[in-house]
Each structure stands twice: as C-alpha cells, then as structure tokens.
C-alpha atoms as a PDB file:
ATOM      1  CA  MET A   1       2.623  25.134  -1.352  1.00  0.00           C
ATOM      2  CA  ILE A   2       2.181  24.023  -4.955  1.00  0.00           C
ATOM      3  CA  GLN A   3       3.167  26.884  -7.272  1.00  0.00           C
ATOM      4  CA  ASP A   4       1.976  25.588 -10.652  1.00  0.00           C
ATOM      5  CA  PRO A   5      -1.735  26.490 -11.100  1.00  0.00           C
ATOM      6  CA  GLN A   6      -2.705  23.323 -13.005  1.00  0.00           C
ATOM      7  CA  LEU A   7      -0.881  21.110 -10.526  1.00  0.00           C
ATOM      8  CA  ALA A   8      -2.619  22.947  -7.666  1.00  0.00           C
ATOM      9  CA  GLU A   9      -6.003  22.383  -9.378  1.00  0.00           C
ATOM     10  CA  PHE A  10      -5.197  18.681  -9.664  1.00  0.00           C
ATOM     11  CA  CYS A  11      -4.455  18.532  -5.921  1.00  0.00           C
ATOM     12  CA  ASP A  12      -7.667  20.419  -5.200  1.00  0.00           C
ATOM     13  CA  VAL A  13      -9.723  17.690  -6.916  1.00  0.00           C
ATOM     14  CA  PHE A  14      -8.210  15.155  -4.496  1.00  0.00           C
ATOM     15  CA  HIS A  15      -8.834  17.396  -1.491  1.00  0.00           C
ATOM     16  CA  LYS A  16     -12.538  17.344  -2.366  1.00  0.00           C
ATOM     17  CA  LEU A  17     -12.729  13.691  -3.393  1.00  0.00           C
ATOM     18  CA  ASP A  18     -14.971  11.359  -1.412  1.00  0.00           C
ATOM     19  CA  LYS A  19     -17.530   8.633  -2.102  1.00  0.00           C
ATOM     20  CA  HIS A  20     -20.105  11.212  -3.210  1.00  0.00           C
ATOM     21  CA  CYS A  21     -18.090  12.909  -5.941  1.00  0.00           C
ATOM     22  CA  THR A  22     -15.854  10.387  -7.713  1.00  0.00           C
ATOM     23  CA  ASN A  23     -17.771  11.326 -10.866  1.00  0.00           C
ATOM     24  CA  LYS A  24     -15.802  14.613 -10.873  1.00  0.00           C
ATOM     25  CA  LEU A  25     -12.545  12.889 -11.804  1.00  0.00           C
ATOM     26  CA  TYR A  26     -13.089  14.012 -15.406  1.00  0.00           C
ATOM     27  CA  LYS A  27     -11.977  17.464 -14.215  1.00  0.00           C
ATOM     28  CA  ALA A  28      -8.511  16.112 -13.440  1.00  0.00           C
ATOM     29  CA  TYR A  29      -8.067  13.332 -16.011  1.00  0.00           C
ATOM     30  CA  THR A  30      -8.414  12.821 -19.750  1.00  0.00           C
ATOM     31  CA  ASP A  31     -10.862  10.215 -21.080  1.00  0.00           C
ATOM     32  CA  ASP A  32      -7.974   7.890 -21.955  1.00  0.00           C
ATOM     33  CA  ILE A  33      -6.162   8.209 -18.598  1.00  0.00           C
ATOM     34  CA  GLU A  34      -3.553   5.563 -17.795  1.00  0.00           C
ATOM     35  CA  PHE A  35      -3.436   5.144 -14.001  1.00  0.00           C
ATOM     36  CA  ARG A  36      -1.035   2.856 -12.205  1.00  0.00           C
ATOM     37  CA  ASP A  37      -0.169   2.137  -8.591  1.00  0.00           C
ATOM     38  CA  PRO A  38       1.587  -0.852  -6.971  1.00  0.00           C
ATOM     39  CA  LEU A  39      -1.684  -2.826  -6.970  1.00  0.00           C
ATOM     40  CA  HIS A  40      -3.591  -1.700 -10.070  1.00  0.00           C
ATOM     41  CA  ARG A  41      -3.270  -0.735 -13.711  1.00  0.00           C
ATOM     42  CA  ILE A  42      -6.324   1.096 -15.025  1.00  0.00           C
ATOM     43  CA  THR A  43      -7.067   2.589 -18.435  1.00  0.00           C
ATOM     44  CA  GLY A  44      -9.884   5.020 -19.170  1.00  0.00           C
ATOM     45  CA  ILE A  45     -11.830   7.508 -17.096  1.00  0.00           C
ATOM     46  CA  THR A  46     -14.837   5.192 -16.634  1.00  0.00           C
ATOM     47  CA  ALA A  47     -12.666   2.404 -15.194  1.00  0.00           C
ATOM     48  CA  LEU A  48     -10.856   4.921 -12.977  1.00  0.00           C
ATOM     49  CA  GLN A  49     -14.140   6.293 -11.645  1.00  0.00           C
ATOM     50  CA  GLN A  50     -15.282   2.737 -10.853  1.00  0.00           C
ATOM     51  CA  TYR A  51     -12.004   2.057  -9.043  1.00  0.00           C
ATOM     52  CA  PHE A  52     -12.253   5.212  -6.923  1.00  0.00           C
ATOM     53  CA  SER A  53     -15.956   4.585  -6.214  1.00  0.00           C
ATOM     54  CA  ALA A  54     -15.147   1.108  -4.897  1.00  0.00           C
ATOM     55  CA  LEU A  55     -12.190   2.436  -2.906  1.00  0.00           C
ATOM     56  CA  TYR A  56     -14.172   5.201  -1.243  1.00  0.00           C
ATOM     57  CA  GLU A  57     -17.192   2.971  -0.635  1.00  0.00           C
ATOM     58  CA  ASN A  58     -15.143   0.678   1.601  1.00  0.00           C
ATOM     59  CA  VAL A  59     -13.206   3.265   3.637  1.00  0.00           C
ATOM     60  CA  THR A  60     -14.419   5.537   6.388  1.00  0.00           C
ATOM     61  CA  GLU A  61     -11.789   8.168   5.552  1.00  0.00           C
ATOM     62  CA  CYS A  62      -9.268   8.791   2.802  1.00  0.00           C
ATOM     63  CA  ARG A  63      -7.468  12.120   2.650  1.00  0.00           C
ATOM     64  CA  PHE A  64      -4.371  13.329   0.867  1.00  0.00           C
ATOM     65  CA  THR A  65      -1.927  15.911   2.157  1.00  0.00           C
ATOM     66  CA  PHE A  66       0.317  17.234  -0.593  1.00  0.00           C
ATOM     67  CA  HIS A  67       3.689  18.321   0.764  1.00  0.00           C
ATOM     68  CA  GLU A  68       5.446  19.455  -2.369  1.00  0.00           C
ATOM     69  CA  GLY A  69       5.097  19.348  -6.103  1.00  0.00           C
ATOM     70  CA  GLN A  70       7.175  20.265  -9.099  1.00  0.00           C
ATOM     71  CA  ARG A  71       6.311  20.577 -12.739  1.00  0.00           C
ATOM     72  CA  LEU A  72       8.517  20.888 -15.790  1.00  0.00           C
ATOM     73  CA  GLY A  73       6.626  21.041 -19.059  1.00  0.00           C
ATOM     74  CA  ASP A  74       4.023  18.283 -19.107  1.00  0.00           C
ATOM     75  CA  ASP A  75       5.753  16.215 -16.394  1.00  0.00           C
ATOM     76  CA  ALA A  76       5.035  16.705 -12.699  1.00  0.00           C
ATOM     77  CA  PHE A  77       5.807  15.048  -9.383  1.00  0.00           C
ATOM     78  CA  LEU A  78       3.893  15.233  -6.117  1.00  0.00           C
ATOM     79  CA  VAL A  79       4.977  14.132  -2.653  1.00  0.00           C
ATOM     80  CA  TRP A  80       2.037  13.246  -0.416  1.00  0.00           C
ATOM     81  CA  THR A  81       0.734  11.469   2.635  1.00  0.00           C
ATOM     82  CA  MET A  82      -2.451   9.453   2.374  1.00  0.00           C
ATOM     83  CA  SER A  83      -4.439   9.098   5.601  1.00  0.00           C
ATOM     84  CA  LEU A  84      -6.788   6.144   5.431  1.00  0.00           C
ATOM     85  CA  LYS A  85      -9.278   4.518   7.779  1.00  0.00           C
ATOM     86  CA  HIS A  86     -10.652   1.142   6.779  1.00  0.00           C
ATOM     87  CA  PRO A  87     -12.706  -1.070   9.093  1.00  0.00           C
ATOM     88  CA  ARG A  88     -10.668  -4.167   8.179  1.00  0.00           C
ATOM     89  CA  LEU A  89      -7.214  -2.602   8.539  1.00  0.00           C
ATOM     90  CA  ALA A  90      -5.445  -1.692  11.797  1.00  0.00           C
ATOM     91  CA  GLY A  91      -8.652  -2.171  13.740  1.00  0.00           C
ATOM     92  CA  GLY A  92     -10.211   0.763  11.903  1.00  0.00           C
ATOM     93  CA  LYS A  93      -7.520   3.183  13.112  1.00  0.00           C
ATOM     94  CA  ARG A  94      -5.966   5.740  10.780  1.00  0.00           C
ATOM     95  CA  ILE A  95      -3.063   4.591   8.630  1.00  0.00           C
ATOM     96  CA  ASP A  96      -0.694   7.198   7.190  1.00  0.00           C
ATOM     97  CA  VAL A  97       1.205   6.192   4.070  1.00  0.00           C
ATOM     98  CA  GLU A  98       3.800   8.376   2.382  1.00  0.00           C
ATOM     99  CA  GLY A  99       4.098   8.288  -1.365  1.00  0.00           C
ATOM    100  CA  CYS A 100       4.702  10.209  -4.524  1.00  0.00           C
ATOM    101  CA  SER A 101       3.048  10.510  -7.908  1.00  0.00           C
ATOM    102  CA  ARG A 102       4.382  11.085 -11.378  1.00  0.00           C
ATOM    103  CA  LEU A 103       1.879  12.888 -13.554  1.00  0.00           C
ATOM    104  CA  VAL A 104       1.922  13.643 -17.259  1.00  0.00           C
ATOM    105  CA  PHE A 105      -0.353  16.451 -18.379  1.00  0.00           C
ATOM    106  CA  ALA A 106      -2.074  16.158 -21.749  1.00  0.00           C
ATOM    107  CA  ASP A 107      -0.570  18.341 -24.444  1.00  0.00           C
ATOM    108  CA  ASP A 108      -3.999  19.722 -25.392  1.00  0.00           C
ATOM    109  CA  ALA A 109      -3.840  22.674 -22.925  1.00  0.00           C
ATOM    110  CA  SER A 110      -6.814  21.227 -20.980  1.00  0.00           C
ATOM    111  CA  GLY A 111      -4.800  21.065 -17.760  1.00  0.00           C
ATOM    112  CA  ARG A 112      -5.856  17.443 -17.321  1.00  0.00           C
ATOM    113  CA  VAL A 113      -3.600  14.470 -16.613  1.00  0.00           C
ATOM    114  CA  CYS A 114      -3.258  11.663 -19.167  1.00  0.00           C
ATOM    115  CA  ARG A 115      -0.834   9.448 -17.193  1.00  0.00           C
ATOM    116  CA  HIS A 116      -0.654   9.011 -13.424  1.00  0.00           C
ATOM    117  CA  ARG A 117       1.639   6.620 -11.564  1.00  0.00           C
ATOM    118  CA  ASP A 118       1.708   6.321  -7.780  1.00  0.00           C
ATOM    119  CA  TYR A 119       4.640   4.973  -5.779  1.00  0.00           C
ATOM    120  CA  PHE A 120       4.164   3.829  -2.180  1.00  0.00           C
ATOM    121  CA  ASP A 121       4.952   0.959   0.169  1.00  0.00           C
ATOM    122  CA  VAL A 122       2.134  -1.580  -0.155  1.00  0.00           C
ATOM    123  CA  GLY A 123       3.207  -3.217   3.089  1.00  0.00           C
ATOM    124  CA  GLU A 124       2.820   0.060   4.937  1.00  0.00           C
ATOM    125  CA  LEU A 125      -0.656   0.494   3.469  1.00  0.00           C
ATOM    126  CA  LEU A 126      -2.011  -3.020   3.504  1.00  0.00           C
ATOM    127  CA  TYR A 127       0.067  -6.047   4.481  1.00  0.00           C
ATOM    128  CA  GLU A 128       1.308  -4.741   7.842  1.00  0.00           C
ATOM    129  CA  HIS A 129      -2.279  -4.171   8.954  1.00  0.00           C
ATOM    130  CA  LEU A 130      -3.779  -7.561   8.106  1.00  0.00           C
ATOM    131  CA  PRO A 131      -4.454  -9.731  11.174  1.00  0.00           C
ATOM    132  CA  LEU A 132      -2.399 -12.814  10.213  1.00  0.00           C
ATOM    133  CA  LEU A 133       0.166 -11.345   7.849  1.00  0.00           C
ATOM    134  CA  GLY A 134       0.862  -8.050   9.655  1.00  0.00           C
ATOM    135  CA  PRO A 135       2.999  -9.317  12.556  1.00  0.00           C
ATOM    136  CA  THR A 136       5.150 -11.387  10.178  1.00  0.00           C
ATOM    137  CA  ILE A 137       5.742  -8.455   7.802  1.00  0.00           C
ATOM    138  CA  ARG A 138       6.622  -6.129  10.699  1.00  0.00           C
ATOM    139  CA  LEU A 139       9.077  -8.712  12.072  1.00  0.00           C
ATOM    140  CA  ILE A 140      10.757  -9.083   8.677  1.00  0.00           C
ATOM    141  CA  LYS A 141      11.075  -5.306   8.324  1.00  0.00           C
ATOM    142  CA  ARG A 142      12.571  -4.976  11.821  1.00  0.00           C
ATOM    143  CA  ARG A 143      15.116  -7.726  11.152  1.00  0.00           C
ATOM    144  CA  ALA A 144      16.034  -6.276   7.777  1.00  0.00           C
ATOM    145  CA  GLY A 145      16.703  -2.915   9.462  1.00  0.00           C
ATOM    146  CA  ASP A 146      19.195  -4.458  11.937  1.00  0.00           C
END
C-alpha cells in the first residue's frame, strides 16, 4: 500500500485511466510535464494527453498494478506491473511488464508531478511479441541467460 497521500492520488489517476478520460491527466501532471520512457520523450501536458490518447485508442486493455512506492521530499519511486492487451502483440493476449517510475513533484504544493521517467524492458513489452522479431529476441535472451 502506498503511504504518501499525494503519491497514492497519482496512482489513483492511473487506476482510472482509459481511452475515455485521458483528458484528466492535468490532475496528476503540471502543464510543463517532462515525461520519458524507453521509447518516448514528451514535454507538456497537451503532448502527453495526445500520447496517452493514441496509446489507449490502440489497446484493448491497459492497467497498472502498483506494488510499492516511496517518497522523500519531491522525489518518488513506484514499482509497478503494466498489463496490456494489444491486437497486434502476442496474438491479442495479455502481456505483463514490470517496471518502475521516478517521479518529481512540483514544488508548488499542487501535488502534481513535473517530471516522470519510466524504466522497463522494451523487449518484454514490444519486441518479443512481434511476429518476425519475437522468436529471435527470445532466442537471444535464452542464450544470454546460459
């Protein structure tokens, strides 16, 4: 359970997020949000809303389970699992990807995040589930583990 109230509110926004309410991201992020993940670098709430709208438009399910979170001052970390169903990945079956986020809360007492960086294995999310590339990536990962 997330103990910090503002961090818990942030998680709650993602629990409710779907293709019909990406316009509510302003509750979690400042107007000048800097968002980064292994595939994207986005600046500004409008660009972030467009990104999430496109993401949710193309998936049949995207849910986050937050396992733990810690906050010290304006800095916070979350450990999560994203469960995703996309018609073009894994034959439309659910993909679970573990990751973590580093958040920086704005110093204006709004409780909103001004910087958000996600860390996760892109292969686990995407490359391993593509028809031509997937078997090759899985083979490489198996051989590297030997």
